């Protein structure tokens, strides 16, 4: 039941952080993927790459971080535009309704 590895959606760089926008009150990240697509990511961990691996990974991207710019306006959540890297939460800002929770429970018995 293993799904096929999807490189274009497994690697990316963060273009914007929207504070307290996900369903659990944590950050919502706008991530640029190698194929140029932007996707929002929530309730997820990220790995930092060292400089050597950053260069190798970025060589595979259609759009580079240097092409983003701090004044670029990104729109998500049905047309809610924001510019800047870290966007503080504002009352009335759209929040994600996705509440996916995956949990594994292991029961052990001590004898």
Protein backbone atom coordinates (compact mmCIF):
# COMPACT_ATOMS: atom_id res chain seq x y z
CA UNK A 1 0.00 0.00 0.00
CA UNK A 2 2.90 2.30 -0.69
CA UNK A 3 2.16 5.27 -2.90
CA UNK A 4 4.48 6.36 -5.69
CA UNK A 5 7.10 8.95 -4.69
CA UNK A 6 6.18 12.40 -5.99
CA UNK A 7 9.33 14.56 -6.06
CA UNK A 8 7.50 17.64 -7.34
CA UNK A 9 5.45 17.78 -4.14
CA UNK A 10 8.01 16.38 -1.66
CA UNK A 11 10.49 19.25 -2.01
CA UNK A 12 9.90 22.98 -1.88
CA UNK A 13 10.88 26.31 -0.43
CA UNK A 14 8.70 28.57 1.69
CA UNK A 15 7.59 31.83 0.05
CA UNK A 16 5.18 33.01 2.75
CA UNK A 17 4.13 32.16 6.31
CA UNK A 18 0.61 33.08 7.43
CA UNK A 19 0.42 32.97 11.21
CA UNK A 20 -2.40 31.10 12.99
CA UNK A 21 -4.28 30.30 9.77
CA UNK A 22 -4.59 26.55 9.92
CA UNK A 23 -7.46 24.72 11.58
CA UNK A 24 -5.46 24.17 14.78
CA UNK A 25 -4.11 27.71 15.09
CA UNK A 26 -0.61 27.02 13.81
CA UNK A 27 1.01 28.52 10.75
CA UNK A 28 0.01 28.03 7.13
CA UNK A 29 2.98 27.86 4.75
CA UNK A 30 2.91 28.71 1.06
CA UNK A 31 5.47 26.44 -0.56
CA UNK A 32 6.89 26.67 -4.08
CA UNK A 33 7.49 23.23 -5.57
CA UNK A 34 10.03 22.29 -8.29
CA UNK A 35 7.39 22.30 -11.05
CA UNK A 36 6.57 25.94 -10.18
CA UNK A 37 3.27 25.23 -8.41
CA UNK A 38 2.38 26.91 -5.11
CA UNK A 39 0.63 24.86 -2.43
CA UNK A 40 -0.39 25.56 1.14
CA UNK A 41 1.02 23.27 3.81
CA UNK A 42 -0.32 22.99 7.36
CA UNK A 43 0.53 20.89 10.42
CA UNK A 44 3.67 19.64 8.78
CA UNK A 45 7.37 19.50 9.59
CA UNK A 46 10.13 20.63 7.26
CA UNK A 47 13.77 19.68 6.85
CA UNK A 48 16.45 22.33 6.38
CA UNK A 49 19.10 21.54 3.78
CA UNK A 50 22.77 22.43 4.08
CA UNK A 51 24.19 24.79 1.44
CA UNK A 52 25.46 22.00 -0.81
CA UNK A 53 22.11 20.24 -0.87
CA UNK A 54 20.25 23.55 -1.29
CA UNK A 55 22.19 24.22 -4.49
CA UNK A 56 21.54 20.72 -5.80
CA UNK A 57 17.81 20.93 -5.04
CA UNK A 58 17.31 24.46 -6.39
CA UNK A 59 18.88 23.45 -9.70
CA UNK A 60 15.72 21.36 -10.26
CA UNK A 61 13.27 24.22 -9.67
CA UNK A 62 11.47 26.01 -12.51
CA UNK A 63 11.35 29.18 -10.38
CA UNK A 64 14.07 30.22 -7.93
CA UNK A 65 13.67 31.99 -4.55
CA UNK A 66 15.54 35.01 -5.95
CA UNK A 67 12.67 35.48 -8.41
CA UNK A 68 10.00 35.71 -5.69
CA UNK A 69 10.61 39.18 -4.20
CA UNK A 70 9.32 40.59 -0.91
CA UNK A 71 6.57 42.58 -2.65
CA UNK A 72 5.09 39.57 -4.46
CA UNK A 73 1.38 39.19 -3.68
CA UNK A 74 0.19 35.63 -3.05
CA UNK A 75 -3.51 34.81 -3.05
CA UNK A 76 -5.09 31.84 -1.28
CA UNK A 77 -8.38 31.13 0.47
CA UNK A 78 -10.74 32.38 -2.21
CA UNK A 79 -8.90 35.55 -3.14
CA UNK A 80 -7.27 36.76 0.08
CA UNK A 81 -4.08 38.48 -1.20
CA UNK A 82 -1.06 39.13 1.04
CA UNK A 83 2.47 40.36 0.37
CA UNK A 84 5.50 39.88 2.59
CA UNK A 85 7.20 36.84 4.08
CA UNK A 86 5.60 36.54 7.54
CA UNK A 87 1.97 37.63 7.69
CA UNK A 88 0.65 38.23 11.21
CA UNK A 89 -2.84 36.95 11.97
CA UNK A 90 -5.58 39.54 11.57
CA UNK A 91 -9.09 39.15 12.92
CA UNK A 92 -11.37 38.15 10.07
CA UNK A 93 -8.59 36.55 8.02
CA UNK A 94 -9.61 33.22 6.49
CA UNK A 95 -8.62 30.14 8.46
CA UNK A 96 -8.29 26.63 7.10
CA UNK A 97 -11.16 24.27 7.74
CA UNK A 98 -9.03 21.19 7.05
CA UNK A 99 -8.82 19.20 10.26
CA UNK A 100 -7.00 16.04 9.33
CA UNK A 101 -5.60 14.11 12.23
CA UNK A 102 -3.81 10.84 11.74
CA UNK A 103 -2.93 8.86 14.81
CA UNK A 104 -1.50 5.44 15.51
CA UNK A 105 -2.08 3.77 18.85
CA UNK A 106 0.03 0.89 20.07
CA UNK A 107 -1.21 -1.13 23.00
CA UNK A 108 1.42 -3.03 24.93
CA UNK A 109 0.92 -5.40 27.77
CA UNK A 110 3.42 -5.75 30.59
CA UNK A 111 3.68 -9.22 32.09
